[in-house]
Amino acid sequence: MTAPYGGGTPLVFDTSAWNRQRAPGVRERWLATLDAGLLAVCPLVALEVLRAARDEAQFAMFDRDLSALAHRNHAPVTAAACAAAQSATRELKGARRGIPALDMAIAAAAAERGFGVLHHDRHFDLLSGPLGFQSVRI
C-alpha cells in the first residue's frame, strides 16, 4: 500500500503539484493522498488551474474535479491569511523578491487552517519557516 503525502496532515496542493500528479512515481502517492481525504483546495490554485485549461471540455473537467475536492477540504484566502503573508514577506527580506504574491497567499491560507502545502516549488520551502506550515515536496 502506498503512503499518502504529508503523513496525515491535510495538504493544499499548488499548481506545481497539480501539474505533476500524473507523473511516474507521483501518481500512486497523489491517489493515496486523495483517497485519504487529505488534498485541499485553495481558490487561488483553482483559478490558476482553470486558467490553464486548453478548451471548454478540459475546463469543465478541472472545474468538476476541483469542486469535488473543495467539498472535503478548503483553504480560503482570508484577511488574516493576507496579513500573515505580509508579515512573512517582511521576515523573508531579500528572498521575498522572487516569491510570487499568489504563492504567499496560498501558503498563508494553508497555514491558517493548519494544513501543509504539497508542491514542486522552492518558494514554499522558504515560506514554511515564517508561516509555520508543513512543506511537502512532490
C-alpha atoms as a PDB file:
ATOM      1  CA  MET A   1       0.000   0.000   0.000  1.00  0.00           C
ATOM      2  CA  THR A   2       1.311   3.440  -0.924  1.00  0.00           C
ATOM      3  CA  ALA A   3       1.540   6.046   1.821  1.00  0.00           C
ATOM      4  CA  PRO A   4      -0.075   9.429   1.217  1.00  0.00           C
ATOM      5  CA  TYR A   5       1.955  12.597   1.094  1.00  0.00           C
ATOM      6  CA  GLY A   6       2.237  14.547   4.333  1.00  0.00           C
ATOM      7  CA  GLY A   7       1.895  11.861   6.977  1.00  0.00           C
ATOM      8  CA  GLY A   8      -1.790  12.527   7.695  1.00  0.00           C
ATOM      9  CA  THR A   9      -1.825  16.319   7.503  1.00  0.00           C
ATOM     10  CA  PRO A  10      -4.280  17.836   5.016  1.00  0.00           C
ATOM     11  CA  LEU A  11      -2.340  19.445   2.166  1.00  0.00           C
ATOM     12  CA  VAL A  12      -3.240  22.352  -0.068  1.00  0.00           C
ATOM     13  CA  PHE A  13      -1.823  21.403  -3.435  1.00  0.00           C
ATOM     14  CA  ASP A  14      -0.114  24.046  -5.506  1.00  0.00           C
ATOM     15  CA  THR A  15      -0.379  24.256  -9.284  1.00  0.00           C
ATOM     16  CA  SER A  16       3.148  22.803  -9.478  1.00  0.00           C
ATOM     17  CA  ALA A  17       1.860  19.639  -7.751  1.00  0.00           C
ATOM     18  CA  TRP A  18      -1.369  19.537  -9.779  1.00  0.00           C
ATOM     19  CA  ASN A  19       0.653  19.625 -12.987  1.00  0.00           C
ATOM     20  CA  ARG A  20       2.783  16.656 -11.853  1.00  0.00           C
ATOM     21  CA  GLN A  21       0.016  14.447 -10.442  1.00  0.00           C
ATOM     22  CA  ARG A  22       0.154  12.002 -13.364  1.00  0.00           C
ATOM     23  CA  ALA A  23       3.952  11.714 -13.460  1.00  0.00           C
ATOM     24  CA  PRO A  24       5.561   8.308 -12.848  1.00  0.00           C
ATOM     25  CA  GLY A  25       6.420   7.972  -9.183  1.00  0.00           C
ATOM     26  CA  VAL A  26       3.898  10.652  -8.219  1.00  0.00           C
ATOM     27  CA  ARG A  27       0.545   9.217  -9.337  1.00  0.00           C
ATOM     28  CA  GLU A  28       0.296   6.461  -6.707  1.00  0.00           C
ATOM     29  CA  ARG A  29       1.051   8.800  -3.791  1.00  0.00           C
ATOM     30  CA  TRP A  30      -1.259  11.509  -5.213  1.00  0.00           C
ATOM     31  CA  LEU A  31      -4.099   8.970  -5.388  1.00  0.00           C
ATOM     32  CA  ALA A  32      -3.313   7.684  -1.876  1.00  0.00           C
ATOM     33  CA  THR A  33      -3.452  11.258  -0.581  1.00  0.00           C
ATOM     34  CA  LEU A  34      -6.705  11.856  -2.456  1.00  0.00           C
ATOM     35  CA  ASP A  35      -8.255   8.588  -1.198  1.00  0.00           C
ATOM     36  CA  ALA A  36      -7.292   9.508   2.379  1.00  0.00           C
ATOM     37  CA  GLY A  37      -9.191  12.813   2.004  1.00  0.00           C
ATOM     38  CA  LEU A  38      -6.038  14.839   2.573  1.00  0.00           C
ATOM     39  CA  LEU A  39      -5.973  17.062  -0.536  1.00  0.00           C
ATOM     40  CA  ALA A  40      -7.251  20.589  -0.001  1.00  0.00           C
ATOM     41  CA  VAL A  41      -8.143  23.308  -2.488  1.00  0.00           C
ATOM     42  CA  CYS A  42      -7.262  26.984  -2.250  1.00  0.00           C
ATOM     43  CA  PRO A  43      -9.346  29.198  -4.566  1.00  0.00           C
ATOM     44  CA  LEU A  44      -6.180  30.834  -5.925  1.00  0.00           C
ATOM     45  CA  VAL A  45      -4.843  27.460  -7.045  1.00  0.00           C
ATOM     46  CA  ALA A  46      -8.229  26.637  -8.567  1.00  0.00           C
ATOM     47  CA  LEU A  47      -8.045  29.874 -10.566  1.00  0.00           C
ATOM     48  CA  GLU A  48      -4.553  29.023 -11.811  1.00  0.00           C
ATOM     49  CA  VAL A  49      -5.599  25.510 -12.807  1.00  0.00           C
ATOM     50  CA  LEU A  50      -8.790  26.646 -14.556  1.00  0.00           C
ATOM     51  CA  ARG A  51      -6.952  29.433 -16.367  1.00  0.00           C
ATOM     52  CA  ALA A  52      -4.609  26.839 -17.874  1.00  0.00           C
ATOM     53  CA  ALA A  53      -7.409  24.690 -19.347  1.00  0.00           C
ATOM     54  CA  ARG A  54      -6.850  24.176 -23.075  1.00  0.00           C
ATOM     55  CA  ASP A  55     -10.511  24.132 -24.037  1.00  0.00           C
ATOM     56  CA  GLU A  56     -14.038  24.137 -22.632  1.00  0.00           C
ATOM     57  CA  ALA A  57     -14.077  20.353 -22.104  1.00  0.00           C
ATOM     58  CA  GLN A  58     -10.876  20.452 -20.045  1.00  0.00           C
ATOM     59  CA  PHE A  59     -12.156  23.495 -18.132  1.00  0.00           C
ATOM     60  CA  ALA A  60     -15.344  21.577 -17.246  1.00  0.00           C
ATOM     61  CA  MET A  61     -13.330  18.523 -16.154  1.00  0.00           C
ATOM     62  CA  PHE A  62     -10.965  20.599 -13.982  1.00  0.00           C
ATOM     63  CA  ASP A  63     -13.893  22.545 -12.520  1.00  0.00           C
ATOM     64  CA  ARG A  64     -15.700  19.313 -11.606  1.00  0.00           C
ATOM     65  CA  ASP A  65     -12.577  17.780 -10.025  1.00  0.00           C
ATOM     66  CA  LEU A  66     -11.698  20.926  -8.065  1.00  0.00           C
ATOM     67  CA  SER A  67     -15.264  21.393  -6.836  1.00  0.00           C
ATOM     68  CA  ALA A  68     -15.361  17.808  -5.568  1.00  0.00           C
ATOM     69  CA  LEU A  69     -12.084  18.310  -3.694  1.00  0.00           C
ATOM     70  CA  ALA A  70     -13.234  21.628  -2.221  1.00  0.00           C
ATOM     71  CA  HIS A  71     -16.167  19.864  -0.547  1.00  0.00           C
ATOM     72  CA  ARG A  72     -13.687  17.854   1.516  1.00  0.00           C
ATOM     73  CA  ASN A  73     -11.002  20.383   2.461  1.00  0.00           C
ATOM     74  CA  HIS A  74     -10.965  24.033   1.575  1.00  0.00           C
ATOM     75  CA  ALA A  75      -8.397  26.731   2.384  1.00  0.00           C
ATOM     76  CA  PRO A  76      -9.923  30.147   1.672  1.00  0.00           C
ATOM     77  CA  VAL A  77      -7.782  33.258   1.498  1.00  0.00           C
ATOM     78  CA  THR A  78      -8.990  35.372   4.407  1.00  0.00           C
ATOM     79  CA  ALA A  79      -7.968  38.824   5.587  1.00  0.00           C
ATOM     80  CA  ALA A  80      -5.962  37.131   8.362  1.00  0.00           C
ATOM     81  CA  ALA A  81      -4.154  34.965   5.797  1.00  0.00           C
ATOM     82  CA  CYS A  82      -3.285  38.088   3.791  1.00  0.00           C
ATOM     83  CA  ALA A  83      -1.931  39.756   6.939  1.00  0.00           C
ATOM     84  CA  ALA A  84       0.177  36.649   7.680  1.00  0.00           C
ATOM     85  CA  ALA A  85       1.511  36.688   4.105  1.00  0.00           C
ATOM     86  CA  GLN A  86       2.502  40.339   4.519  1.00  0.00           C
ATOM     87  CA  SER A  87       4.269  39.536   7.780  1.00  0.00           C
ATOM     88  CA  ALA A  88       6.127  36.628   6.143  1.00  0.00           C
ATOM     89  CA  THR A  89       7.162  38.953   3.325  1.00  0.00           C
ATOM     90  CA  ARG A  90       8.707  41.294   5.898  1.00  0.00           C
ATOM     91  CA  GLU A  91      10.513  38.386   7.577  1.00  0.00           C
ATOM     92  CA  LEU A  92      11.961  36.981   4.359  1.00  0.00           C
ATOM     93  CA  LYS A  93      13.667  40.252   3.382  1.00  0.00           C
ATOM     94  CA  GLY A  94      15.795  39.686   0.226  1.00  0.00           C
ATOM     95  CA  ALA A  95      14.437  36.210  -0.520  1.00  0.00           C
ATOM     96  CA  ARG A  96      10.911  37.585  -0.943  1.00  0.00           C
ATOM     97  CA  ARG A  97      11.603  39.252  -4.287  1.00  0.00           C
ATOM     98  CA  GLY A  98      11.371  36.006  -6.243  1.00  0.00           C
ATOM     99  CA  ILE A  99       8.283  34.680  -4.458  1.00  0.00           C
ATOM    100  CA  PRO A 100       5.024  35.311  -6.316  1.00  0.00           C
ATOM    101  CA  ALA A 101       2.311  37.003  -4.278  1.00  0.00           C
ATOM    102  CA  LEU A 102      -0.085  34.149  -5.090  1.00  0.00           C
ATOM    103  CA  ASP A 103       2.312  31.633  -3.534  1.00  0.00           C
ATOM    104  CA  MET A 104       2.494  33.778  -0.388  1.00  0.00           C
ATOM    105  CA  ALA A 105      -1.309  33.908  -0.138  1.00  0.00           C
ATOM    106  CA  ILE A 106      -1.700  30.166  -0.841  1.00  0.00           C
ATOM    107  CA  ALA A 107       0.859  29.303   1.845  1.00  0.00           C
ATOM    108  CA  ALA A 108      -0.742  31.651   4.376  1.00  0.00           C
ATOM    109  CA  ALA A 109      -4.211  30.222   3.671  1.00  0.00           C
ATOM    110  CA  ALA A 110      -2.882  26.703   4.259  1.00  0.00           C
ATOM    111  CA  ALA A 111      -1.090  27.727   7.458  1.00  0.00           C
ATOM    112  CA  GLU A 112      -4.196  29.437   8.822  1.00  0.00           C
ATOM    113  CA  ARG A 113      -6.132  26.156   8.557  1.00  0.00           C
ATOM    114  CA  GLY A 114      -3.278  24.048   9.974  1.00  0.00           C
ATOM    115  CA  PHE A 115      -2.728  22.463   6.563  1.00  0.00           C
ATOM    116  CA  GLY A 116       0.537  21.836   4.761  1.00  0.00           C
ATOM    117  CA  VAL A 117       1.361  22.620   1.131  1.00  0.00           C
ATOM    118  CA  LEU A 118       2.056  19.943  -1.472  1.00  0.00           C
ATOM    119  CA  HIS A 119       4.262  21.423  -4.175  1.00  0.00           C
ATOM    120  CA  HIS A 120       7.231  21.230  -6.511  1.00  0.00           C
ATOM    121  CA  ASP A 121       8.369  24.806  -5.970  1.00  0.00           C
ATOM    122  CA  ARG A 122      11.166  26.104  -3.716  1.00  0.00           C
ATOM    123  CA  HIS A 123       9.104  29.171  -2.766  1.00  0.00           C
ATOM    124  CA  PHE A 124       7.002  27.082  -0.399  1.00  0.00           C
ATOM    125  CA  ASP A 125      10.117  25.750   1.319  1.00  0.00           C
ATOM    126  CA  LEU A 126      11.126  29.367   2.030  1.00  0.00           C
ATOM    127  CA  LEU A 127       7.636  30.353   3.206  1.00  0.00           C
ATOM    128  CA  SER A 128       7.246  27.390   5.553  1.00  0.00           C
ATOM    129  CA  GLY A 129       9.608  28.952   8.104  1.00  0.00           C
ATOM    130  CA  PRO A 130       7.871  32.257   8.779  1.00  0.00           C
ATOM    131  CA  LEU A 131       4.353  30.885   8.217  1.00  0.00           C
ATOM    132  CA  GLY A 132       4.825  27.616  10.141  1.00  0.00           C
ATOM    133  CA  PHE A 133       3.212  25.115   7.772  1.00  0.00           C
ATOM    134  CA  GLN A 134       4.421  21.691   6.618  1.00  0.00           C
ATOM    135  CA  SER A 135       6.133  21.987   3.240  1.00  0.00           C
ATOM    136  CA  VAL A 136       5.812  18.713   1.285  1.00  0.00           C
ATOM    137  CA  ARG A 137       7.674  18.371  -1.983  1.00  0.00           C
ATOM    138  CA  ILE A 138       6.098  16.154  -4.615  1.00  0.00           C
END
